[in-house]
Amino acid sequence: MYPAPFIAVEGPIGAGKTTLATMLAKEFQFPLVKEIVEENPFLDKFYEDMEQWSFQLEMFFLCNRFKQLELIEENYVNKQQPVVTDYHV
């Protein structure tokens, strides 16, 4: 038995990861798990001063990605369910 697909779209901010991941999920009829962006308290600050806030922004994303990937493993991978995400660590 082959493992279920886990498709992760990775790239820099604004590259179109969510757009591509959404298209793939729709095409293959797989669940889509998006990165949690709205909860990042550093996002607005990052766009105001990227040099000063990039580390804090990425550390917040890293911690959230780790938590989300644990849930993806539990809810999809371990159950042999396919999934598409718009991020990876």
N, C-alpha and C. Protein backbone atom coordinates (compact mmCIF):
# COMPACT_ATOMS: atom_id res chain seq x y z
N MET A 1 0.84 -1.17 0.00
CA MET A 1 0.00 0.00 0.00
C MET A 1 0.89 1.24 0.00
N TYR A 2 0.59 2.18 -0.86
CA TYR A 2 1.33 3.42 -0.96
C TYR A 2 0.80 4.44 0.05
N PRO A 3 1.68 5.28 0.59
CA PRO A 3 1.18 6.32 1.51
C PRO A 3 0.33 7.34 0.75
N ALA A 4 -0.60 7.94 1.45
CA ALA A 4 -1.46 8.97 0.86
C ALA A 4 -0.61 10.20 0.56
N PRO A 5 -0.94 10.94 -0.50
CA PRO A 5 -0.16 12.13 -0.83
C PRO A 5 -0.24 13.21 0.23
N PHE A 6 0.90 13.82 0.49
CA PHE A 6 1.01 15.02 1.33
C PHE A 6 1.73 16.03 0.45
N ILE A 7 0.96 16.95 -0.11
CA ILE A 7 1.50 17.95 -1.02
C ILE A 7 1.67 19.26 -0.26
N ALA A 8 2.90 19.74 -0.19
CA ALA A 8 3.21 21.00 0.49
C ALA A 8 3.79 21.98 -0.52
N VAL A 9 3.18 23.15 -0.64
CA VAL A 9 3.66 24.21 -1.52
C VAL A 9 4.47 25.18 -0.67
N GLU A 10 5.72 25.39 -1.04
CA GLU A 10 6.62 26.22 -0.24
C GLU A 10 7.16 27.35 -1.10
N GLY A 11 7.44 28.49 -0.47
CA GLY A 11 8.01 29.63 -1.18
C GLY A 11 7.94 30.88 -0.33
N PRO A 12 8.48 31.99 -0.86
CA PRO A 12 8.50 33.24 -0.10
C PRO A 12 7.11 33.90 -0.01
N ILE A 13 7.00 34.87 0.87
CA ILE A 13 5.76 35.63 1.05
C ILE A 13 5.35 36.25 -0.28
N GLY A 14 4.08 36.08 -0.65
CA GLY A 14 3.54 36.70 -1.85
C GLY A 14 3.82 35.96 -3.14
N ALA A 15 4.37 34.75 -3.06
CA ALA A 15 4.73 34.00 -4.27
C ALA A 15 3.55 33.29 -4.91
N GLY A 16 2.43 33.17 -4.18
CA GLY A 16 1.26 32.47 -4.73
C GLY A 16 1.09 31.07 -4.20
N LYS A 17 1.67 30.77 -3.04
CA LYS A 17 1.57 29.44 -2.46
C LYS A 17 0.12 29.03 -2.20
N THR A 18 -0.64 29.92 -1.59
CA THR A 18 -2.03 29.60 -1.26
C THR A 18 -2.86 29.41 -2.51
N THR A 19 -2.63 30.23 -3.52
CA THR A 19 -3.35 30.10 -4.78
C THR A 19 -3.08 28.74 -5.42
N LEU A 20 -1.80 28.35 -5.50
CA LEU A 20 -1.45 27.06 -6.09
C LEU A 20 -1.97 25.91 -5.25
N ALA A 21 -1.82 25.98 -3.93
CA ALA A 21 -2.30 24.92 -3.06
C ALA A 21 -3.82 24.75 -3.19
N THR A 22 -4.54 25.85 -3.29
CA THR A 22 -6.00 25.80 -3.46
C THR A 22 -6.36 25.13 -4.78
N MET A 23 -5.64 25.47 -5.83
CA MET A 23 -5.89 24.85 -7.14
C MET A 23 -5.61 23.35 -7.11
N LEU A 24 -4.52 22.95 -6.47
CA LEU A 24 -4.19 21.52 -6.37
C LEU A 24 -5.23 20.76 -5.56
N ALA A 25 -5.63 21.32 -4.43
CA ALA A 25 -6.64 20.67 -3.59
C ALA A 25 -7.95 20.50 -4.35
N LYS A 26 -8.33 21.52 -5.10
CA LYS A 26 -9.56 21.44 -5.87
C LYS A 26 -9.44 20.41 -6.99
N GLU A 27 -8.32 20.43 -7.70
CA GLU A 27 -8.12 19.51 -8.82
C GLU A 27 -8.14 18.05 -8.37
N PHE A 28 -7.46 17.76 -7.26
CA PHE A 28 -7.38 16.38 -6.78
C PHE A 28 -8.45 16.03 -5.76
N GLN A 29 -9.25 17.03 -5.38
CA GLN A 29 -10.29 16.86 -4.37
C GLN A 29 -9.71 16.35 -3.05
N PHE A 30 -8.62 17.01 -2.64
CA PHE A 30 -7.96 16.72 -1.37
C PHE A 30 -8.28 17.86 -0.40
N PRO A 31 -8.28 17.58 0.90
CA PRO A 31 -8.44 18.66 1.88
C PRO A 31 -7.28 19.65 1.79
N LEU A 32 -7.57 20.92 2.07
CA LEU A 32 -6.56 21.97 2.07
C LEU A 32 -6.38 22.50 3.49
N VAL A 33 -5.14 22.54 3.95
CA VAL A 33 -4.81 23.13 5.25
C VAL A 33 -3.92 24.33 4.97
N LYS A 34 -4.45 25.52 5.30
CA LYS A 34 -3.71 26.75 5.06
C LYS A 34 -2.93 27.17 6.30
N GLU A 35 -1.82 27.85 6.04
CA GLU A 35 -1.04 28.40 7.13
C GLU A 35 -1.86 29.46 7.88
N ILE A 36 -1.71 29.48 9.19
CA ILE A 36 -2.41 30.48 10.00
C ILE A 36 -1.63 31.79 9.89
N VAL A 37 -2.20 32.76 9.20
CA VAL A 37 -1.52 34.02 8.96
C VAL A 37 -2.11 35.13 9.82
N GLU A 38 -3.42 35.17 9.94
CA GLU A 38 -4.11 36.27 10.61
C GLU A 38 -3.71 36.42 12.07
N GLU A 39 -3.29 35.34 12.70
CA GLU A 39 -2.94 35.37 14.12
C GLU A 39 -1.53 35.89 14.39
N ASN A 40 -0.75 36.10 13.33
CA ASN A 40 0.64 36.53 13.52
C ASN A 40 0.68 38.01 13.90
N PRO A 41 1.06 38.31 15.15
CA PRO A 41 1.05 39.71 15.60
C PRO A 41 2.18 40.55 14.99
N PHE A 42 3.10 39.92 14.28
CA PHE A 42 4.24 40.63 13.71
C PHE A 42 4.06 40.97 12.23
N LEU A 43 2.97 40.54 11.62
CA LEU A 43 2.80 40.71 10.18
C LEU A 43 2.75 42.18 9.77
N ASP A 44 1.93 42.97 10.43
CA ASP A 44 1.85 44.40 10.10
C ASP A 44 3.19 45.10 10.35
N LYS A 45 3.82 44.75 11.46
CA LYS A 45 5.11 45.35 11.79
C LYS A 45 6.16 44.97 10.75
N PHE A 46 6.09 43.72 10.26
CA PHE A 46 7.02 43.25 9.24
C PHE A 46 6.92 44.09 7.97
N TYR A 47 5.70 44.38 7.54
CA TYR A 47 5.53 45.17 6.32
C TYR A 47 5.94 46.64 6.52
N GLU A 48 5.93 47.10 7.76
CA GLU A 48 6.39 48.47 8.05
C GLU A 48 7.92 48.55 8.08
N ASP A 49 8.56 47.51 8.63
CA ASP A 49 10.02 47.50 8.74
C ASP A 49 10.50 46.05 8.67
N MET A 50 10.72 45.56 7.45
CA MET A 50 11.07 44.15 7.24
C MET A 50 12.36 43.74 7.93
N GLU A 51 13.34 44.62 7.91
CA GLU A 51 14.63 44.28 8.51
C GLU A 51 14.51 44.07 10.02
N GLN A 52 13.72 44.89 10.67
CA GLN A 52 13.59 44.81 12.13
C GLN A 52 12.71 43.64 12.56
N TRP A 53 11.66 43.31 11.81
CA TRP A 53 10.66 42.36 12.28
C TRP A 53 10.67 41.00 11.58
N SER A 54 11.56 40.77 10.64
CA SER A 54 11.54 39.51 9.89
C SER A 54 11.81 38.29 10.79
N PHE A 55 12.74 38.40 11.73
CA PHE A 55 13.03 37.26 12.60
C PHE A 55 11.83 36.89 13.45
N GLN A 56 11.20 37.88 14.08
CA GLN A 56 10.04 37.61 14.94
C GLN A 56 8.89 37.00 14.11
N LEU A 57 8.68 37.54 12.93
CA LEU A 57 7.62 37.03 12.05
C LEU A 57 7.86 35.57 11.73
N GLU A 58 9.08 35.25 11.31
CA GLU A 58 9.39 33.87 10.92
C GLU A 58 9.37 32.92 12.10
N MET A 59 9.78 33.36 13.26
CA MET A 59 9.73 32.48 14.44
C MET A 59 8.29 32.16 14.82
N PHE A 60 7.41 33.15 14.71
CA PHE A 60 5.99 32.90 14.98
C PHE A 60 5.45 31.88 13.98
N PHE A 61 5.76 32.09 12.70
CA PHE A 61 5.31 31.14 11.67
C PHE A 61 5.88 29.75 11.92
N LEU A 62 7.15 29.67 12.29
CA LEU A 62 7.78 28.37 12.54
C LEU A 62 7.07 27.61 13.64
N CYS A 63 6.78 28.29 14.74
CA CYS A 63 6.09 27.64 15.87
C CYS A 63 4.70 27.17 15.47
N ASN A 64 3.97 28.01 14.74
CA ASN A 64 2.63 27.62 14.29
C ASN A 64 2.68 26.48 13.28
N ARG A 65 3.65 26.53 12.38
CA ARG A 65 3.80 25.46 11.39
C ARG A 65 4.06 24.13 12.08
N PHE A 66 4.92 24.15 13.07
CA PHE A 66 5.23 22.92 13.80
C PHE A 66 3.96 22.34 14.43
N LYS A 67 3.19 23.19 15.10
CA LYS A 67 1.94 22.73 15.73
C LYS A 67 0.97 22.20 14.68
N GLN A 68 0.83 22.94 13.57
CA GLN A 68 -0.09 22.50 12.52
C GLN A 68 0.37 21.19 11.89
N LEU A 69 1.68 21.03 11.69
CA LEU A 69 2.17 19.80 11.09
C LEU A 69 1.95 18.60 12.01
N GLU A 70 2.02 18.81 13.31
CA GLU A 70 1.68 17.73 14.23
C GLU A 70 0.22 17.30 14.05
N LEU A 71 -0.67 18.28 13.89
CA LEU A 71 -2.09 17.98 13.67
C LEU A 71 -2.31 17.32 12.31
N ILE A 72 -1.58 17.74 11.29
CA ILE A 72 -1.70 17.13 9.97
C ILE A 72 -1.25 15.67 10.04
N GLU A 73 -0.17 15.42 10.75
CA GLU A 73 0.29 14.04 10.91
C GLU A 73 -0.79 13.20 11.59
N GLU A 74 -1.36 13.74 12.65
CA GLU A 74 -2.38 13.03 13.41
C GLU A 74 -3.68 12.83 12.62
N ASN A 75 -4.13 13.89 11.94
CA ASN A 75 -5.45 13.87 11.29
C ASN A 75 -5.45 13.35 9.85
N TYR A 76 -4.29 13.37 9.18
CA TYR A 76 -4.25 12.96 7.78
C TYR A 76 -3.21 11.86 7.53
N VAL A 77 -1.96 12.16 7.80
CA VAL A 77 -0.88 11.23 7.46
C VAL A 77 -1.05 9.88 8.15
N ASN A 78 -1.25 9.87 9.45
CA ASN A 78 -1.41 8.61 10.18
C ASN A 78 -2.66 7.85 9.80
N LYS A 79 -3.63 8.54 9.24
CA LYS A 79 -4.89 7.91 8.80
C LYS A 79 -4.89 7.61 7.31
N GLN A 80 -3.73 7.79 6.67
CA GLN A 80 -3.60 7.55 5.23
C GLN A 80 -4.58 8.39 4.42
N GLN A 81 -4.77 9.65 4.85
CA GLN A 81 -5.63 10.60 4.15
C GLN A 81 -4.77 11.60 3.39
N PRO A 82 -5.10 11.91 2.13
CA PRO A 82 -4.31 12.92 1.40
C PRO A 82 -4.58 14.31 1.94
N VAL A 83 -3.63 15.21 1.72
CA VAL A 83 -3.79 16.58 2.18
C VAL A 83 -2.86 17.49 1.37
N VAL A 84 -3.29 18.75 1.20
CA VAL A 84 -2.49 19.77 0.55
C VAL A 84 -2.32 20.93 1.54
N THR A 85 -1.10 21.46 1.64
CA THR A 85 -0.85 22.63 2.49
C THR A 85 -0.17 23.72 1.69
N ASP A 86 -0.31 24.96 2.16
CA ASP A 86 0.35 26.08 1.49
C ASP A 86 1.61 26.50 2.24
N TYR A 87 2.23 25.57 2.96
CA TYR A 87 3.46 25.84 3.71
C TYR A 87 4.11 24.54 4.11
N HIS A 88 5.34 24.63 4.56
CA HIS A 88 6.05 23.54 5.20
C HIS A 88 7.13 24.18 6.05
N VAL A 89 7.75 23.44 6.91
CA VAL A 89 8.78 24.00 7.77
C VAL A 89 10.04 24.24 6.93
